[in-house]
Amino acid sequence: MENVFDTLQARGFIQQVTHPEDIKTRLQQGSVTFYIGYDPTASSFHIGNLVPIMAMVHMQRAGHRPIAILGAGTTMVGDPSGKTEMRQMMTRETIEENALALRGQLERYLSFEGGNRAMLLNNGDWLFDLRYIDFLRDVGRYFSVNRMLTFEAYKQRLETGLSFLEFNYQLLQAYDFLVLRQRYDCILQMGGDDQWGNMVAGADLIRRVEQTDAYAITFPLISNASGQKMGKTADGAIWLDAERTTPYEFYQYWINVDDRDVKRFLRLYTLLSLEDLTQFDAMEGAELREAKHVLAFEATALTHGKTAARAAEQAAQAMFGGDGEAADMPETLVTQNRFDTGVLAVDLFVETGLAASKGAARRLIQQGGASLNGTRLDTIDATVTNTDVRDGAVILRAGKKRYHRVVVD
């Protein structure tokens, strides 16, 4: 069996580990059941969630069994980790709707068939019916408040205010791990490094209750070379849902990553072998453009499929040179008669969502960040007419990365 621990380490997934030699041996000896939890606070994952998802993929490909937990129960409480204030409360109905949407996205990455088929569970199934007094006596007695306050997530929140509701979150996540250990022989929890305290608490609870070992592995919280949190842009998150971030926009995000991030991201966000990735190690400067195209195609194919990835690639080629159709670029339909008399460019930027308001569109033009068919707009009263139409459309650009195709009907 492949030593997946070494693979994850070589790709940059591993940040902290409890008993590293022990879990490395267990992963080498045979199939291990592990889990990662996701609180369904939105109806889509964003690419900041991709590191744990990709880690699950590598683990399953190495013969281990993944359990993905959609935390409808824990979302009712709200995880204080990494938050400066209490998370906005969500209704149970919204949480369940989000969980259903996230289920479909996970199915793109994990196999739910075969001997080590993935499982998808909802912790609301065991948390919603807990009897509070019994839970305090059976689980709460194993937790030391003094120790809980030493974990970074709680220490940070004490400065701004930590609610008693949030203080319970660690107990619930630890209890999840215990339930999975008892029901499914799950011995390993994986997740982001901001979950370290919660994960250690779960492993410790299992040792106390079951007198058996359990392990935790955390992943680094990924930032780009500029220090910006992964998946966040000036225009918002990059979603895995094609309705919220089109495959073309998704592809363009990867094409435009900083040169300093390309080699690292190829290891984290693609399934290309480490051996295959060595061809990019010596690349510098302009050569990295080739590596960016590989990164963009592979990451988009994993999330949206190879057909969508090829369409996004062709759309980019059509926009930036080379052959291909631009059909997968975001589009807005405009009637012919509007262009007969001319349409203000600022209005088109608002209609297409490239600017939030006319004021924002004017500022974009004044700052030199707006273009029409590849030519920068230099006046805020610029008008788009039929003479600007090329092959039945005009192409708008906001900044360096956001494009929109206005199709004339």
Protein backbone atom coordinates (compact mmCIF):
# COMPACT_ATOMS: atom_id res chain seq x y z
CA MET A 1 0.00 0.00 0.00
CA GLU A 2 1.21 3.50 -0.87
CA ASN A 3 2.62 5.44 2.07
CA VAL A 4 0.08 8.24 1.82
CA PHE A 5 1.51 10.06 4.84
CA ASP A 6 4.74 10.68 2.92
CA THR A 7 2.74 11.68 -0.16
CA LEU A 8 0.71 14.24 1.78
CA GLN A 9 3.83 15.58 3.43
CA ALA A 10 5.67 15.92 0.11
CA ARG A 11 2.71 17.78 -1.38
CA GLY A 12 2.54 20.26 1.52
CA PHE A 13 -0.66 19.06 3.21
CA ILE A 14 0.59 18.28 6.69
CA GLN A 15 0.92 20.92 9.40
CA GLN A 16 0.51 19.21 12.80
CA VAL A 17 0.15 15.53 13.76
CA THR A 18 -0.53 13.68 16.98
CA HIS A 19 1.83 10.69 17.36
CA PRO A 20 3.23 10.98 13.80
CA GLU A 21 5.17 7.73 13.77
CA ASP A 22 2.20 5.73 15.07
CA ILE A 23 -0.30 7.06 12.53
CA LYS A 24 2.23 6.73 9.73
CA THR A 25 2.61 3.04 10.62
CA ARG A 26 -1.17 2.53 10.80
CA LEU A 27 -1.63 4.13 7.38
CA GLN A 28 1.07 1.87 5.96
CA GLN A 29 -0.25 -1.36 7.47
CA GLY A 30 -3.76 -1.33 6.06
CA SER A 31 -6.93 0.59 5.32
CA VAL A 32 -7.81 3.26 7.88
CA THR A 33 -11.18 4.98 8.28
CA PHE A 34 -10.80 8.75 8.69
CA TYR A 35 -13.07 11.76 8.67
CA ILE A 36 -13.20 15.44 7.87
CA GLY A 37 -16.08 17.66 8.96
CA TYR A 38 -17.63 20.57 7.06
CA ASP A 39 -20.16 22.91 8.61
CA PRO A 40 -22.73 23.81 5.91
CA THR A 41 -22.69 27.57 6.47
CA ALA A 42 -23.11 28.23 2.72
CA SER A 43 -24.70 26.41 -0.21
CA SER A 44 -21.34 25.91 -1.91
CA PHE A 45 -17.75 25.17 -1.01
CA HIS A 46 -15.14 27.70 -2.11
CA ILE A 47 -11.56 26.96 -3.08
CA GLY A 48 -10.43 27.64 0.47
CA ASN A 49 -12.12 24.29 1.24
CA LEU A 50 -10.19 22.44 -1.45
CA VAL A 51 -7.14 21.47 0.65
CA PRO A 52 -9.12 19.12 2.94
CA ILE A 53 -11.15 17.85 -0.02
CA MET A 54 -8.01 17.07 -2.01
CA ALA A 55 -6.46 15.37 1.04
CA MET A 56 -9.51 13.09 1.20
CA VAL A 57 -9.02 12.26 -2.47
CA HIS A 58 -5.38 11.27 -1.92
CA MET A 59 -6.30 9.18 1.13
CA GLN A 60 -9.04 7.31 -0.73
CA ARG A 61 -6.81 6.71 -3.75
CA ALA A 62 -4.28 5.15 -1.35
CA GLY A 63 -6.89 2.68 -0.09
CA HIS A 64 -8.28 4.42 2.99
CA ARG A 65 -11.95 5.03 3.72
CA PRO A 66 -13.21 8.62 3.98
CA ILE A 67 -16.14 9.84 6.02
CA ALA A 68 -17.34 13.34 5.17
CA ILE A 69 -19.40 14.90 7.94
CA LEU A 70 -21.81 17.67 7.05
CA GLY A 71 -22.24 19.34 10.41
CA ALA A 72 -25.87 20.40 10.55
CA GLY A 73 -25.72 19.97 14.34
CA THR A 74 -22.49 21.86 14.96
CA THR A 75 -23.55 24.65 12.56
CA MET A 76 -26.45 25.38 14.91
CA VAL A 77 -23.82 26.32 17.49
CA GLY A 78 -21.12 27.96 15.36
CA ASP A 79 -17.38 27.33 15.43
CA PRO A 80 -15.47 30.21 17.07
CA SER A 81 -12.16 29.13 15.48
CA GLY A 82 -10.65 31.90 13.40
CA LYS A 83 -13.64 34.19 13.99
CA THR A 84 -13.45 37.63 15.58
CA GLU A 85 -17.12 37.59 16.53
CA MET A 86 -20.00 35.19 16.90
CA ARG A 87 -21.23 33.65 13.65
CA GLN A 88 -24.67 34.74 12.49
CA MET A 89 -27.31 32.25 13.58
CA MET A 90 -28.87 30.15 10.82
CA THR A 91 -32.19 28.34 10.71
CA ARG A 92 -32.23 24.56 10.69
CA GLU A 93 -33.99 24.59 7.31
CA THR A 94 -31.26 26.73 5.69
CA ILE A 95 -28.55 24.52 7.16
CA GLU A 96 -30.20 21.38 5.78
CA GLU A 97 -30.57 22.98 2.33
CA ASN A 98 -26.89 23.93 2.34
CA ALA A 99 -25.91 20.41 3.38
CA LEU A 100 -27.82 18.94 0.44
CA ALA A 101 -26.00 21.25 -2.01
CA LEU A 102 -22.59 20.44 -0.51
CA ARG A 103 -23.31 16.72 -0.78
CA GLY A 104 -23.48 17.01 -4.58
CA GLN A 105 -20.16 18.84 -4.72
CA LEU A 106 -18.33 16.25 -2.64
CA GLU A 107 -19.59 13.52 -4.95
CA ARG A 108 -17.49 15.05 -7.75
CA TYR A 109 -14.29 14.29 -5.85
CA LEU A 110 -14.92 11.14 -3.81
CA SER A 111 -15.99 7.67 -4.88
CA PHE A 112 -19.06 6.34 -3.09
CA GLU A 113 -18.66 2.89 -4.61
CA GLY A 114 -16.19 0.07 -4.06
CA GLY A 115 -14.48 -1.49 -1.07
CA ASN A 116 -13.28 1.75 0.50
CA ARG A 117 -16.26 3.77 -0.66
CA ALA A 118 -16.75 7.15 0.98
CA MET A 119 -19.52 7.78 3.48
CA LEU A 120 -21.45 11.02 3.81
CA LEU A 121 -23.01 11.60 7.23
CA ASN A 122 -24.81 14.42 9.02
CA ASN A 123 -23.91 14.95 12.67
CA GLY A 124 -27.39 16.29 13.29
CA ASP A 125 -28.45 12.63 13.26
CA TRP A 126 -26.86 12.14 16.69
CA LEU A 127 -26.51 15.69 18.03
CA PHE A 128 -30.09 16.93 17.66
CA ASP A 129 -31.48 14.30 20.02
CA LEU A 130 -28.86 14.58 22.75
CA ARG A 131 -30.16 14.84 26.30
CA TYR A 132 -28.30 17.80 27.78
CA ILE A 133 -27.87 16.58 31.35
CA ASP A 134 -26.75 13.13 30.17
CA PHE A 135 -24.31 14.76 27.74
CA LEU A 136 -22.78 16.90 30.48
CA ARG A 137 -22.34 13.88 32.76
CA ASP A 138 -21.10 11.45 30.11
CA VAL A 139 -18.93 13.78 28.00
CA GLY A 140 -18.52 17.14 29.69
CA ARG A 141 -16.82 15.64 32.74
CA TYR A 142 -13.76 14.77 30.63
CA PHE A 143 -13.08 18.39 29.65
CA SER A 144 -10.96 20.84 31.62
CA VAL A 145 -11.98 24.47 31.20
CA ASN A 146 -8.44 25.52 32.05
CA ARG A 147 -7.05 23.40 29.21
CA MET A 148 -9.71 24.52 26.74
CA LEU A 149 -8.71 28.13 27.36
CA THR A 150 -5.13 27.38 26.38
CA PHE A 151 -6.13 26.62 22.79
CA GLU A 152 -5.54 29.51 20.42
CA ALA A 153 -9.11 29.67 19.09
CA TYR A 154 -10.52 30.37 22.56
CA LYS A 155 -7.65 32.60 23.66
CA GLN A 156 -8.22 34.92 20.72
CA ARG A 157 -11.96 35.13 21.25
CA LEU A 158 -11.65 35.92 24.95
CA GLU A 159 -10.36 39.34 23.90
CA THR A 160 -13.52 40.15 21.92
CA GLY A 161 -16.07 38.00 23.77
CA LEU A 162 -16.78 34.28 23.68
CA SER A 163 -20.36 33.13 24.16
CA PHE A 164 -21.22 30.07 26.24
CA LEU A 165 -22.91 28.66 23.13
CA GLU A 166 -19.63 28.75 21.19
CA PHE A 167 -17.71 27.40 24.17
CA ASN A 168 -19.65 24.15 23.72
CA TYR A 169 -18.46 23.70 20.15
CA GLN A 170 -15.31 21.82 21.12
CA LEU A 171 -17.32 19.30 23.15
CA LEU A 172 -19.64 18.64 20.20
CA GLN A 173 -16.81 18.17 17.69
CA ALA A 174 -15.00 15.86 20.08
CA TYR A 175 -18.23 13.90 20.55
CA ASP A 176 -18.52 13.54 16.75
CA PHE A 177 -15.13 11.82 16.72
CA LEU A 178 -16.19 9.51 19.56
CA VAL A 179 -19.41 8.53 17.77
CA LEU A 180 -17.51 7.78 14.56
CA ARG A 181 -14.96 5.73 16.48
CA GLN A 182 -17.69 3.66 18.12
CA ARG A 183 -19.89 3.19 15.05
CA TYR A 184 -17.44 3.07 12.14
CA ASP A 185 -14.03 2.29 13.67
CA CYS A 186 -12.80 5.76 12.60
CA ILE A 187 -9.38 6.40 14.14
CA LEU A 188 -8.24 9.59 12.38
CA GLN A 189 -9.62 13.10 12.10
CA MET A 190 -8.20 15.54 9.56
CA GLY A 191 -8.87 19.24 9.05
CA GLY A 192 -7.57 22.79 8.93
CA ASP A 193 -4.96 23.89 11.44
CA ASP A 194 -7.45 26.21 13.15
CA GLN A 195 -9.21 23.00 14.29
CA TRP A 196 -6.18 21.61 16.15
CA GLY A 197 -7.61 22.18 19.63
CA ASN A 198 -10.96 20.59 18.76
CA MET A 199 -9.29 17.62 17.11
CA VAL A 200 -6.89 16.96 19.97
CA ALA A 201 -9.87 17.14 22.34
CA GLY A 202 -11.65 14.47 20.29
CA ALA A 203 -8.67 12.13 20.26
CA ASP A 204 -8.28 12.61 24.01
CA LEU A 205 -11.99 11.91 24.62
CA ILE A 206 -11.72 8.62 22.70
CA ARG A 207 -8.70 7.55 24.76
CA ARG A 208 -10.54 8.32 28.00
CA VAL A 209 -13.85 6.70 27.07
CA GLU A 210 -12.74 3.82 24.86
CA GLN A 211 -9.19 3.27 26.18
CA THR A 212 -7.93 3.16 22.59
CA ASP A 213 -5.83 5.37 20.35
CA ALA A 214 -7.08 8.05 17.98
CA TYR A 215 -5.13 10.51 15.87
CA ALA A 216 -5.34 13.98 14.33
CA ILE A 217 -3.67 15.56 11.31
CA THR A 218 -4.07 19.22 10.40
CA PHE A 219 -3.46 21.03 7.13
CA PRO A 220 -1.91 24.49 6.81
CA LEU A 221 -4.30 27.38 6.30
CA ILE A 222 -3.32 28.33 2.76
CA SER A 223 -2.56 31.93 1.81
CA ASN A 224 -1.19 33.14 -1.49
CA ALA A 225 2.20 34.78 -1.91
CA SER A 226 0.67 38.17 -1.12
CA GLY A 227 -0.65 36.90 2.22
CA GLN A 228 -4.28 36.85 1.09
CA LYS A 229 -6.45 34.00 2.36
CA MET A 230 -6.87 31.31 -0.29
CA GLY A 231 -10.03 31.63 -2.34
CA LYS A 232 -10.68 35.25 -1.40
CA THR A 233 -10.43 38.01 -3.99
CA ALA A 234 -11.36 41.67 -4.09
CA ASP A 235 -14.61 40.58 -5.71
CA GLY A 236 -15.43 37.81 -3.21
CA ALA A 237 -14.95 34.07 -2.88
CA ILE A 238 -14.18 31.68 -5.72
CA TRP A 239 -16.96 29.10 -5.40
CA LEU A 240 -17.11 25.49 -6.59
CA ASP A 241 -20.72 26.03 -7.68
CA ALA A 242 -20.76 26.84 -11.40
CA GLU A 243 -23.78 29.10 -10.88
CA ARG A 244 -21.81 31.33 -8.51
CA THR A 245 -18.38 31.13 -10.16
CA THR A 246 -18.48 29.99 -13.78
CA PRO A 247 -15.94 27.42 -14.99
CA TYR A 248 -14.36 30.20 -17.07
CA GLU A 249 -13.94 32.46 -14.02
CA PHE A 250 -12.68 29.47 -12.03
CA TYR A 251 -10.11 28.71 -14.74
CA GLN A 252 -9.02 32.35 -14.89
CA TYR A 253 -8.44 32.44 -11.13
CA TRP A 254 -5.75 29.78 -11.46
CA ILE A 255 -4.25 31.33 -14.61
CA ASN A 256 -3.76 34.57 -12.69
CA VAL A 257 -2.16 33.22 -9.51
CA ASP A 258 1.15 34.73 -8.48
CA ASP A 259 4.21 33.11 -10.08
CA ARG A 260 5.51 32.34 -6.59
CA ASP A 261 2.46 30.14 -5.89
CA VAL A 262 2.33 28.02 -9.05
CA LYS A 263 4.57 25.08 -8.06
CA ARG A 264 3.06 24.87 -4.56
CA PHE A 265 -0.48 24.97 -5.91
CA LEU A 266 0.24 22.27 -8.49
CA ARG A 267 1.09 19.92 -5.61
CA LEU A 268 -1.95 20.87 -3.55
CA TYR A 269 -4.70 21.29 -6.12
CA THR A 270 -4.00 18.72 -8.84
CA LEU A 271 -3.65 14.94 -8.95
CA LEU A 272 -0.58 14.99 -11.18
CA SER A 273 2.06 12.68 -9.73
CA LEU A 274 5.01 14.14 -7.86
CA GLU A 275 7.21 12.63 -10.54
CA ASP A 276 5.29 14.44 -13.29
CA LEU A 277 5.45 17.70 -11.36
CA THR A 278 9.25 17.71 -11.32
CA GLN A 279 9.18 19.04 -14.91
CA PHE A 280 8.00 22.38 -13.51
CA ASP A 281 10.59 22.67 -10.73
CA ALA A 282 13.20 24.49 -12.79
CA MET A 283 10.76 26.83 -14.52
CA GLU A 284 11.09 30.54 -13.84
CA GLY A 285 9.70 33.76 -15.27
CA ALA A 286 7.82 33.47 -18.55
CA GLU A 287 8.16 29.67 -18.54
CA LEU A 288 5.73 29.50 -15.62
CA ARG A 289 2.92 30.44 -17.99
CA GLU A 290 2.89 26.84 -19.18
CA ALA A 291 2.67 25.59 -15.60
CA LYS A 292 -0.23 27.98 -14.92
CA HIS A 293 -2.17 26.55 -17.86
CA VAL A 294 -1.63 23.04 -16.49
CA LEU A 295 -2.74 24.16 -13.01
CA ALA A 296 -5.82 25.93 -14.36
CA PHE A 297 -6.91 23.01 -16.55
CA GLU A 298 -6.33 20.30 -13.93
CA ALA A 299 -8.01 22.22 -11.09
CA THR A 300 -11.00 23.13 -13.28
CA ALA A 301 -11.35 19.57 -14.59
CA LEU A 302 -11.48 18.20 -11.04
CA THR A 303 -14.22 20.62 -10.03
CA HIS A 304 -16.29 20.98 -13.21
CA GLY A 305 -15.20 18.08 -15.42
CA LYS A 306 -12.87 17.90 -18.42
CA THR A 307 -15.48 19.17 -20.89
CA ALA A 308 -16.01 22.38 -18.92
CA ALA A 309 -12.26 22.74 -18.43
CA ARG A 310 -11.64 22.49 -22.18
CA ALA A 311 -14.40 25.03 -22.85
CA ALA A 312 -12.87 27.43 -20.33
CA GLU A 313 -9.43 26.89 -21.87
CA GLN A 314 -10.80 27.62 -25.36
CA ALA A 315 -12.60 30.73 -24.10
CA ALA A 316 -9.33 31.99 -22.64
CA GLN A 317 -7.52 31.28 -25.91
CA ALA A 318 -10.20 33.18 -27.82
CA MET A 319 -9.79 36.14 -25.50
CA PHE A 320 -6.03 36.19 -25.19
CA GLY A 321 -4.98 34.83 -28.58
CA GLY A 322 -5.09 31.52 -30.43
CA ASP A 323 -8.02 29.52 -31.71
CA GLY A 324 -11.12 28.56 -29.78
CA GLU A 325 -14.64 29.61 -28.94
CA ALA A 326 -15.46 32.10 -26.18
CA ALA A 327 -18.80 30.41 -25.43
CA ASP A 328 -17.92 29.62 -21.83
CA MET A 329 -17.10 33.21 -20.88
CA PRO A 330 -19.80 34.82 -18.66
CA GLU A 331 -22.44 36.34 -20.92
CA THR A 332 -25.22 38.91 -20.88
CA LEU A 333 -27.74 39.23 -23.72
CA VAL A 334 -28.50 42.76 -25.03
CA THR A 335 -30.99 43.62 -27.78
CA GLN A 336 -29.68 45.07 -31.05
CA ASN A 337 -31.77 48.27 -30.87
CA ARG A 338 -30.00 49.39 -27.70
CA PHE A 339 -26.72 49.56 -29.59
CA ASP A 340 -28.37 51.46 -32.44
CA THR A 341 -28.46 54.59 -30.30
CA GLY A 342 -25.50 53.65 -28.12
CA VAL A 343 -25.25 52.36 -24.55
CA LEU A 344 -23.14 54.02 -21.89
CA ALA A 345 -20.23 51.75 -20.95
CA VAL A 346 -20.84 52.42 -17.25
CA ASP A 347 -24.36 50.99 -17.64
CA LEU A 348 -23.02 47.81 -19.25
CA PHE A 349 -20.45 47.33 -16.48
CA VAL A 350 -23.26 47.50 -13.90
CA GLU A 351 -25.61 45.23 -15.88
CA THR A 352 -22.95 42.55 -16.28
CA GLY A 353 -21.95 42.65 -12.62
CA LEU A 354 -18.43 43.88 -13.36
CA ALA A 355 -19.20 46.95 -11.24
CA ALA A 356 -21.53 47.22 -8.25
CA SER A 357 -22.85 50.67 -9.19
CA LYS A 358 -22.47 53.43 -11.75
CA GLY A 359 -20.19 55.24 -9.36
CA ALA A 360 -17.99 52.16 -9.07
CA ALA A 361 -17.93 51.81 -12.87
CA ARG A 362 -16.88 55.45 -13.29
CA ARG A 363 -14.06 55.00 -10.77
CA LEU A 364 -12.96 51.84 -12.56
CA ILE A 365 -12.70 53.77 -15.84
CA GLN A 366 -10.96 56.75 -14.23
CA GLN A 367 -8.38 54.41 -12.68
CA GLY A 368 -7.65 52.77 -16.02
CA GLY A 369 -9.11 49.42 -15.02
CA ALA A 370 -11.86 49.10 -17.64
CA SER A 371 -11.54 48.01 -21.26
CA LEU A 372 -13.74 47.33 -24.27
CA ASN A 373 -12.60 44.68 -26.78
CA GLY A 374 -9.10 44.87 -25.34
CA THR A 375 -8.84 48.68 -25.54
CA ARG A 376 -8.76 50.68 -22.33
CA LEU A 377 -11.67 53.07 -21.79
CA ASP A 378 -10.46 56.57 -20.93
CA THR A 379 -13.68 58.56 -20.51
CA ILE A 380 -16.58 57.93 -18.14
CA ASP A 381 -19.11 58.89 -20.83
CA ALA A 382 -17.82 56.34 -23.35
CA THR A 383 -20.61 54.83 -25.43
CA VAL A 384 -20.81 51.34 -26.91
CA THR A 385 -22.45 51.16 -30.37
CA ASN A 386 -22.90 48.71 -33.23
CA THR A 387 -19.46 49.62 -34.56
CA ASP A 388 -17.93 48.01 -31.45
CA VAL A 389 -19.62 44.66 -32.03
CA ARG A 390 -17.23 41.85 -33.07
CA ASP A 391 -18.69 38.49 -34.11
CA GLY A 392 -22.00 39.38 -32.49
CA ALA A 393 -20.59 40.50 -29.15
CA VAL A 394 -18.42 42.96 -27.24
CA ILE A 395 -15.94 41.96 -24.56
CA LEU A 396 -15.73 43.97 -21.33
CA ARG A 397 -12.90 43.70 -18.84
CA ALA A 398 -12.69 44.97 -15.25
CA GLY A 399 -9.19 44.97 -13.77
CA LYS A 400 -6.79 42.31 -14.95
CA LYS A 401 -8.86 39.19 -14.33
CA ARG A 402 -12.61 39.71 -14.84
CA TYR A 403 -14.12 39.46 -18.30
CA HIS A 404 -17.68 39.48 -19.59
CA ARG A 405 -19.12 38.87 -23.05
CA VAL A 406 -22.10 41.05 -24.03
CA VAL A 407 -23.98 39.23 -26.80
CA VAL A 408 -26.10 41.23 -29.21
CA ASP A 409 -29.44 39.65 -30.06
